[in-house]
Amino acid sequence: MTKQFLILISGHNASGKTVLSRKLLREFDLNKVNGDDVRDFLISSIKFYSDAHYSYPNSKIISANKTVSAFRMALVKELLSQGESVLVDGAGIERKARKKYLDLAEIASVK
């Protein structure tokens, strides 16, 4: 039986999260869940978010971030329930959110 993992990588911008993620993805059979990918999709595909900018806080990017957080959590929960290993990376994973991910892992009996 293959071990299942949940790996959370968080840190400041330009701290090496992406470099570490790429190395782990090459080495292990993981599903990558990245908030920036979801946020980019919202901005490029959903008209309401098309003028949202990362560079400064505004109501649209705050709304997009809420959507990203909810989607990311739901996707991780689904992947874990399907027996998949998951790597979550991003600057926006605060302590409170990390606890929610770890709670999901505990429920799914994931390391």
C-alpha atoms as a PDB file:
ATOM      1  CA  MET A   1       0.000   0.000   0.000  1.00  0.00           C
ATOM      2  CA  THR A   2       1.373   3.406  -0.979  1.00  0.00           C
ATOM      3  CA  LYS A   3       1.667   5.981   1.779  1.00  0.00           C
ATOM      4  CA  GLN A   4      -0.468   9.070   1.444  1.00  0.00           C
ATOM      5  CA  PHE A   5       0.983  12.487   2.214  1.00  0.00           C
ATOM      6  CA  LEU A   6      -0.202  16.048   2.682  1.00  0.00           C
ATOM      7  CA  ILE A   7       2.637  18.539   2.290  1.00  0.00           C
ATOM      8  CA  LEU A   8       2.081  22.228   3.026  1.00  0.00           C
ATOM      9  CA  ILE A   9       4.654  24.745   1.844  1.00  0.00           C
ATOM     10  CA  SER A  10       4.197  28.344   2.862  1.00  0.00           C
ATOM     11  CA  GLY A  11       6.422  31.362   3.102  1.00  0.00           C
ATOM     12  CA  HIS A  12       7.048  34.862   1.919  1.00  0.00           C
ATOM     13  CA  ASN A  13       7.254  35.795  -1.738  1.00  0.00           C
ATOM     14  CA  ALA A  14      10.524  34.707  -3.381  1.00  0.00           C
ATOM     15  CA  SER A  15      11.405  32.443  -0.439  1.00  0.00           C
ATOM     16  CA  GLY A  16      11.898  29.313  -2.576  1.00  0.00           C
ATOM     17  CA  LYS A  17       8.468  27.681  -2.282  1.00  0.00           C
ATOM     18  CA  THR A  18       8.179  27.025  -6.009  1.00  0.00           C
ATOM     19  CA  VAL A  19      11.692  25.615  -6.282  1.00  0.00           C
ATOM     20  CA  LEU A  20      11.031  23.225  -3.397  1.00  0.00           C
ATOM     21  CA  SER A  21       7.616  22.290  -4.818  1.00  0.00           C
ATOM     22  CA  ARG A  22       9.102  21.445  -8.211  1.00  0.00           C
ATOM     23  CA  LYS A  23      11.713  19.189  -6.607  1.00  0.00           C
ATOM     24  CA  LEU A  24       9.071  17.360  -4.563  1.00  0.00           C
ATOM     25  CA  LEU A  25       6.775  16.988  -7.570  1.00  0.00           C
ATOM     26  CA  ARG A  26       9.602  15.453  -9.619  1.00  0.00           C
ATOM     27  CA  GLU A  27      10.503  13.041  -6.804  1.00  0.00           C
ATOM     28  CA  PHE A  28       7.059  11.952  -5.585  1.00  0.00           C
ATOM     29  CA  ASP A  29       3.625  11.189  -7.030  1.00  0.00           C
ATOM     30  CA  LEU A  30       1.790  14.276  -5.738  1.00  0.00           C
ATOM     31  CA  ASN A  31      -1.106  16.468  -6.777  1.00  0.00           C
ATOM     32  CA  LYS A  32      -0.146  20.141  -6.636  1.00  0.00           C
ATOM     33  CA  VAL A  33      -2.752  22.601  -5.369  1.00  0.00           C
ATOM     34  CA  ASN A  34      -1.639  26.202  -5.726  1.00  0.00           C
ATOM     35  CA  GLY A  35      -3.729  29.255  -4.898  1.00  0.00           C
ATOM     36  CA  ASP A  36      -1.990  31.414  -7.506  1.00  0.00           C
ATOM     37  CA  ASP A  37      -3.114  29.014 -10.230  1.00  0.00           C
ATOM     38  CA  VAL A  38      -6.735  29.311  -9.098  1.00  0.00           C
ATOM     39  CA  ARG A  39      -6.460  33.097  -8.694  1.00  0.00           C
ATOM     40  CA  ASP A  40      -4.966  33.402 -12.195  1.00  0.00           C
ATOM     41  CA  PHE A  41      -7.864  31.345 -13.558  1.00  0.00           C
ATOM     42  CA  LEU A  42     -10.406  33.644 -11.883  1.00  0.00           C
ATOM     43  CA  ILE A  43      -8.712  36.772 -13.220  1.00  0.00           C
ATOM     44  CA  SER A  44      -8.317  35.411 -16.753  1.00  0.00           C
ATOM     45  CA  SER A  45     -11.676  33.637 -17.072  1.00  0.00           C
ATOM     46  CA  ILE A  46     -14.255  35.364 -14.879  1.00  0.00           C
ATOM     47  CA  LYS A  47     -15.315  38.822 -16.081  1.00  0.00           C
ATOM     48  CA  PHE A  48     -15.958  40.161 -12.567  1.00  0.00           C
ATOM     49  CA  TYR A  49     -12.343  39.482 -11.539  1.00  0.00           C
ATOM     50  CA  SER A  50     -10.712  40.572 -14.817  1.00  0.00           C
ATOM     51  CA  ASP A  51      -9.468  43.880 -13.373  1.00  0.00           C
ATOM     52  CA  ALA A  52      -8.406  42.506  -9.972  1.00  0.00           C
ATOM     53  CA  HIS A  53      -4.740  43.175  -9.192  1.00  0.00           C
ATOM     54  CA  TYR A  54      -2.451  41.274  -6.820  1.00  0.00           C
ATOM     55  CA  SER A  55      -0.280  44.299  -6.162  1.00  0.00           C
ATOM     56  CA  TYR A  56      -2.578  46.116  -3.779  1.00  0.00           C
ATOM     57  CA  PRO A  57      -5.503  45.113  -1.553  1.00  0.00           C
ATOM     58  CA  ASN A  58      -8.863  45.887  -3.110  1.00  0.00           C
ATOM     59  CA  SER A  59     -12.368  44.482  -2.821  1.00  0.00           C
ATOM     60  CA  LYS A  60     -12.078  42.266  -5.910  1.00  0.00           C
ATOM     61  CA  ILE A  61      -8.797  40.634  -4.959  1.00  0.00           C
ATOM     62  CA  ILE A  62     -10.104  40.135  -1.406  1.00  0.00           C
ATOM     63  CA  SER A  63     -13.171  38.430  -2.910  1.00  0.00           C
ATOM     64  CA  ALA A  64     -10.977  36.351  -5.225  1.00  0.00           C
ATOM     65  CA  ASN A  65      -8.796  35.307  -2.278  1.00  0.00           C
ATOM     66  CA  LYS A  66     -11.856  34.075  -0.356  1.00  0.00           C
ATOM     67  CA  THR A  67     -12.914  32.035  -3.382  1.00  0.00           C
ATOM     68  CA  VAL A  68      -9.389  30.667  -3.806  1.00  0.00           C
ATOM     69  CA  SER A  69      -9.216  29.600  -0.150  1.00  0.00           C
ATOM     70  CA  ALA A  70     -12.577  27.827  -0.277  1.00  0.00           C
ATOM     71  CA  PHE A  71     -11.753  26.078  -3.563  1.00  0.00           C
ATOM     72  CA  ARG A  72      -8.282  25.034  -2.426  1.00  0.00           C
ATOM     73  CA  MET A  73      -9.641  23.562   0.815  1.00  0.00           C
ATOM     74  CA  ALA A  74     -12.456  21.697  -0.979  1.00  0.00           C
ATOM     75  CA  LEU A  75     -10.061  20.311  -3.591  1.00  0.00           C
ATOM     76  CA  VAL A  76      -7.564  19.108  -0.976  1.00  0.00           C
ATOM     77  CA  LYS A  77     -10.383  17.474   0.994  1.00  0.00           C
ATOM     78  CA  GLU A  78     -11.629  15.676  -2.129  1.00  0.00           C
ATOM     79  CA  LEU A  79      -8.156  14.513  -3.180  1.00  0.00           C
ATOM     80  CA  LEU A  80      -7.378  13.207   0.313  1.00  0.00           C
ATOM     81  CA  SER A  81     -10.709  11.380   0.460  1.00  0.00           C
ATOM     82  CA  GLN A  82      -9.772   9.682  -2.840  1.00  0.00           C
ATOM     83  CA  GLY A  83      -6.511   8.425  -1.333  1.00  0.00           C
ATOM     84  CA  GLU A  84      -4.317  10.899  -3.215  1.00  0.00           C
ATOM     85  CA  SER A  85      -1.218  12.652  -1.878  1.00  0.00           C
ATOM     86  CA  VAL A  86      -1.296  16.433  -2.068  1.00  0.00           C
ATOM     87  CA  LEU A  87       1.230  19.245  -2.064  1.00  0.00           C
ATOM     88  CA  VAL A  88      -0.211  22.675  -1.221  1.00  0.00           C
ATOM     89  CA  ASP A  89       2.013  25.672  -1.765  1.00  0.00           C
ATOM     90  CA  GLY A  90       1.483  29.390  -1.535  1.00  0.00           C
ATOM     91  CA  ALA A  91       2.243  32.537   0.371  1.00  0.00           C
ATOM     92  CA  GLY A  92      -1.351  32.878   1.570  1.00  0.00           C
ATOM     93  CA  ILE A  93      -1.480  29.835   3.825  1.00  0.00           C
ATOM     94  CA  GLU A  94      -1.786  31.397   7.258  1.00  0.00           C
ATOM     95  CA  ARG A  95      -1.522  29.524  10.555  1.00  0.00           C
ATOM     96  CA  LYS A  96      -5.305  29.282  10.944  1.00  0.00           C
ATOM     97  CA  ALA A  97      -5.654  27.748   7.458  1.00  0.00           C
ATOM     98  CA  ARG A  98      -2.732  25.363   8.056  1.00  0.00           C
ATOM     99  CA  LYS A  99      -4.605  24.009  11.067  1.00  0.00           C
ATOM    100  CA  LYS A 100      -7.635  23.299   8.861  1.00  0.00           C
ATOM    101  CA  TYR A 101      -5.446  21.375   6.407  1.00  0.00           C
ATOM    102  CA  LEU A 102      -3.855  19.410   9.225  1.00  0.00           C
ATOM    103  CA  ASP A 103      -7.309  18.616  10.607  1.00  0.00           C
ATOM    104  CA  LEU A 104      -8.282  17.280   7.161  1.00  0.00           C
ATOM    105  CA  ALA A 105      -5.164  15.138   7.121  1.00  0.00           C
ATOM    106  CA  GLU A 106      -5.945  13.750  10.565  1.00  0.00           C
ATOM    107  CA  ILE A 107      -9.492  12.849   9.532  1.00  0.00           C
ATOM    108  CA  ALA A 108      -8.131  11.081   6.449  1.00  0.00           C
ATOM    109  CA  SER A 109      -5.338   9.437   8.490  1.00  0.00           C
ATOM    110  CA  VAL A 110      -2.707  11.073   6.286  1.00  0.00           C
ATOM    111  CA  LYS A 111       0.860  11.771   7.388  1.00  0.00           C
END
